[in-house]
């Protein structure tokens, strides 16, 4: 069931001329991580993240592309598809170039989830927090998109806060 839905969504994205990004470029990495303005170990710097300063997307087709890719994320996750990474990167690259949408928050949380195996726990948490801040910026639109982002954020990224704070306390 998920595979058929994902295939239809991917075909539609091809019709919308979406070219998937397969590798994180240095520019995209800096934009996603907030480097150098954001210190992932200091929550007080999260408000400086460039995602939060980006203009909202205005092109209806960009908003549609983002929404469709965001809708594919759960199916890709359930299928354990490696395409989830390129989908998140594509969403973030589109957001960086053309403006953010509430689905940008979804892509940030997915990136945080996929960063987990690198043991960059502070970055994972920071991505989730910035995603939450971005959804708040969008007001009602952010609340409408919240279920997609919040399932990843609250289920996987926010629990990291306790572990990273405990680790910080033992390092003093």
Protein backbone atom coordinates (compact mmCIF):
# COMPACT_ATOMS: atom_id res chain seq x y z
CA UNK A 1 0.00 0.00 0.00
CA UNK A 2 2.71 2.52 1.01
CA UNK A 3 4.87 1.59 -1.97
CA UNK A 4 2.09 2.32 -4.47
CA UNK A 5 1.30 5.66 -2.83
CA UNK A 6 4.98 6.64 -2.79
CA UNK A 7 5.37 5.66 -6.46
CA UNK A 8 2.41 7.85 -7.45
CA UNK A 9 3.78 10.76 -5.43
CA UNK A 10 7.24 10.41 -6.95
CA UNK A 11 5.77 10.32 -10.45
CA UNK A 12 3.78 13.46 -9.74
CA UNK A 13 6.93 15.19 -8.46
CA UNK A 14 8.66 14.30 -11.74
CA UNK A 15 5.77 15.98 -13.58
CA UNK A 16 6.33 19.03 -11.37
CA UNK A 17 10.00 19.06 -12.48
CA UNK A 18 11.43 18.19 -9.09
CA UNK A 19 15.04 17.07 -9.33
CA UNK A 20 16.08 15.23 -6.21
CA UNK A 21 19.19 16.34 -4.34
CA UNK A 22 21.25 13.30 -3.41
CA UNK A 23 24.15 14.86 -1.53
CA UNK A 24 24.47 17.54 1.10
CA UNK A 25 26.43 20.45 -0.37
CA UNK A 26 28.56 22.62 1.92
CA UNK A 27 26.17 25.55 1.34
CA UNK A 28 23.11 23.46 2.20
CA UNK A 29 24.88 21.99 5.25
CA UNK A 30 25.67 25.47 6.58
CA UNK A 31 22.08 26.59 5.98
CA UNK A 32 20.60 23.52 7.66
CA UNK A 33 22.91 23.51 10.66
CA UNK A 34 22.92 27.28 11.08
CA UNK A 35 26.73 27.40 11.11
CA UNK A 36 28.46 29.55 12.17
CA UNK A 37 25.73 31.67 13.87
CA UNK A 38 24.13 28.80 15.77
CA UNK A 39 25.95 26.94 18.52
CA UNK A 40 24.11 23.62 18.79
CA UNK A 41 25.23 23.36 22.41
CA UNK A 42 23.61 26.71 23.29
CA UNK A 43 19.82 26.90 22.91
CA UNK A 44 20.01 30.68 23.28
CA UNK A 45 21.49 30.87 19.76
CA UNK A 46 18.80 28.82 18.01
CA UNK A 47 16.79 31.96 17.15
CA UNK A 48 19.72 33.01 14.90
CA UNK A 49 19.21 30.02 12.60
CA UNK A 50 19.04 31.10 8.93
CA UNK A 51 15.96 28.96 8.33
CA UNK A 52 14.06 31.25 10.68
CA UNK A 53 15.21 34.34 8.77
CA UNK A 54 14.33 32.96 5.33
CA UNK A 55 11.37 34.42 3.49
CA UNK A 56 8.28 32.23 3.19
CA UNK A 57 7.78 30.60 -0.20
CA UNK A 58 5.42 32.53 -2.44
CA UNK A 59 5.21 30.39 -5.58
CA UNK A 60 2.13 28.13 -5.31
CA UNK A 61 3.97 25.37 -7.19
CA UNK A 62 6.86 25.46 -4.71
CA UNK A 63 4.35 25.20 -1.87
CA UNK A 64 2.69 22.27 -3.66
CA UNK A 65 6.04 20.55 -4.24
CA UNK A 66 6.94 20.92 -0.57
CA UNK A 67 3.57 19.64 0.58
CA UNK A 68 3.75 16.61 -1.68
CA UNK A 69 7.28 15.73 -0.59
CA UNK A 70 6.24 16.19 3.04
CA UNK A 71 3.33 13.83 2.46
CA UNK A 72 5.71 11.19 1.10
CA UNK A 73 7.96 11.18 4.18
CA UNK A 74 5.79 8.82 6.32
CA UNK A 75 5.52 6.29 3.49
CA UNK A 76 9.24 6.45 2.82
CA UNK A 77 9.87 5.97 6.53
CA UNK A 78 7.54 2.97 6.74
CA UNK A 79 9.21 1.43 3.68
CA UNK A 80 12.65 2.13 5.19
CA UNK A 81 13.50 3.70 1.86
CA UNK A 82 16.88 5.38 1.43
CA UNK A 83 14.98 7.93 -0.66
CA UNK A 84 13.86 9.60 2.57
CA UNK A 85 17.27 11.31 2.79
CA UNK A 86 17.16 12.73 -0.73
CA UNK A 87 13.56 13.83 -0.19
CA UNK A 88 14.51 15.75 2.97
CA UNK A 89 17.56 17.26 1.23
CA UNK A 90 15.46 18.27 -1.76
CA UNK A 91 12.90 19.93 0.51
CA UNK A 92 15.63 21.82 2.34
CA UNK A 93 17.41 22.86 -0.87
CA UNK A 94 14.13 24.12 -2.31
CA UNK A 95 13.44 26.01 0.93
CA UNK A 96 16.89 27.56 0.89
CA UNK A 97 16.51 28.74 -2.71
CA UNK A 98 12.80 29.57 -2.94
CA UNK A 99 11.55 30.16 0.60
CA UNK A 100 10.29 28.14 3.54
CA UNK A 101 6.94 26.50 4.15
CA UNK A 102 5.63 24.66 7.20
CA UNK A 103 6.90 21.49 5.51
CA UNK A 104 10.44 22.83 5.83
CA UNK A 105 10.05 21.98 9.52
CA UNK A 106 9.19 18.41 8.54
CA UNK A 107 12.38 18.18 6.48
CA UNK A 108 14.46 19.56 9.37
CA UNK A 109 13.11 16.95 11.77
CA UNK A 110 13.77 14.18 9.25
CA UNK A 111 17.32 15.46 8.81
CA UNK A 112 17.68 15.41 12.59
CA UNK A 113 16.41 11.84 12.72
CA UNK A 114 18.79 10.76 9.97
CA UNK A 115 21.69 12.53 11.70
CA UNK A 116 21.16 10.45 14.84
CA UNK A 117 23.52 7.60 13.78
CA UNK A 118 26.39 10.11 13.49
CA UNK A 119 26.07 10.69 17.25
CA UNK A 120 25.70 14.45 16.76
CA UNK A 121 22.99 14.50 19.38
CA UNK A 122 23.14 18.24 20.00
CA UNK A 123 22.64 18.88 16.28
CA UNK A 124 19.70 16.46 16.22
CA UNK A 125 18.07 18.31 19.10
CA UNK A 126 18.83 21.73 17.57
CA UNK A 127 17.22 20.73 14.27
CA UNK A 128 14.09 19.65 16.10
CA UNK A 129 13.93 22.86 18.13
CA UNK A 130 14.46 25.07 15.06
CA UNK A 131 11.74 23.09 13.27
CA UNK A 132 9.39 23.79 16.19
CA UNK A 133 10.28 27.50 16.10
CA UNK A 134 9.64 27.61 12.34
CA UNK A 135 6.20 26.04 12.74
CA UNK A 136 5.38 28.67 15.35
CA UNK A 137 6.41 31.41 12.90
CA UNK A 138 3.83 30.11 10.43
CA UNK A 139 1.01 30.39 12.97
CA UNK A 140 -2.13 28.55 11.83
CA UNK A 141 -0.36 27.11 8.76
CA UNK A 142 2.34 25.77 11.06
CA UNK A 143 -0.23 24.18 13.34
CA UNK A 144 -1.87 22.50 10.35
CA UNK A 145 1.46 20.94 9.33
CA UNK A 146 2.50 20.14 12.91
CA UNK A 147 1.42 16.48 12.99
CA UNK A 148 3.98 15.53 10.33
CA UNK A 149 6.87 17.32 12.02
CA UNK A 150 5.86 16.70 15.61
CA UNK A 151 5.73 12.92 15.28
CA UNK A 152 9.44 12.90 14.45
CA UNK A 153 10.34 15.80 16.71
CA UNK A 154 8.60 14.68 19.88
CA UNK A 155 9.11 10.97 19.28
CA UNK A 156 12.80 11.06 18.42
CA UNK A 157 14.51 14.45 18.74
CA UNK A 158 13.12 16.14 21.86
CA UNK A 159 14.06 13.21 24.13
CA UNK A 160 17.66 14.00 23.19
CA UNK A 161 17.41 17.19 25.26
CA UNK A 162 17.55 15.22 28.51
CA UNK A 163 20.55 13.17 27.35
CA UNK A 164 22.52 16.17 26.07
CA UNK A 165 21.81 18.22 29.19
CA UNK A 166 22.89 15.33 31.41
CA UNK A 167 26.09 14.97 29.39
CA UNK A 168 26.76 18.71 29.65
CA UNK A 169 26.37 18.58 33.44
CA UNK A 170 28.91 15.77 33.77
CA UNK A 171 31.44 17.67 31.60
CA UNK A 172 31.58 20.74 33.89
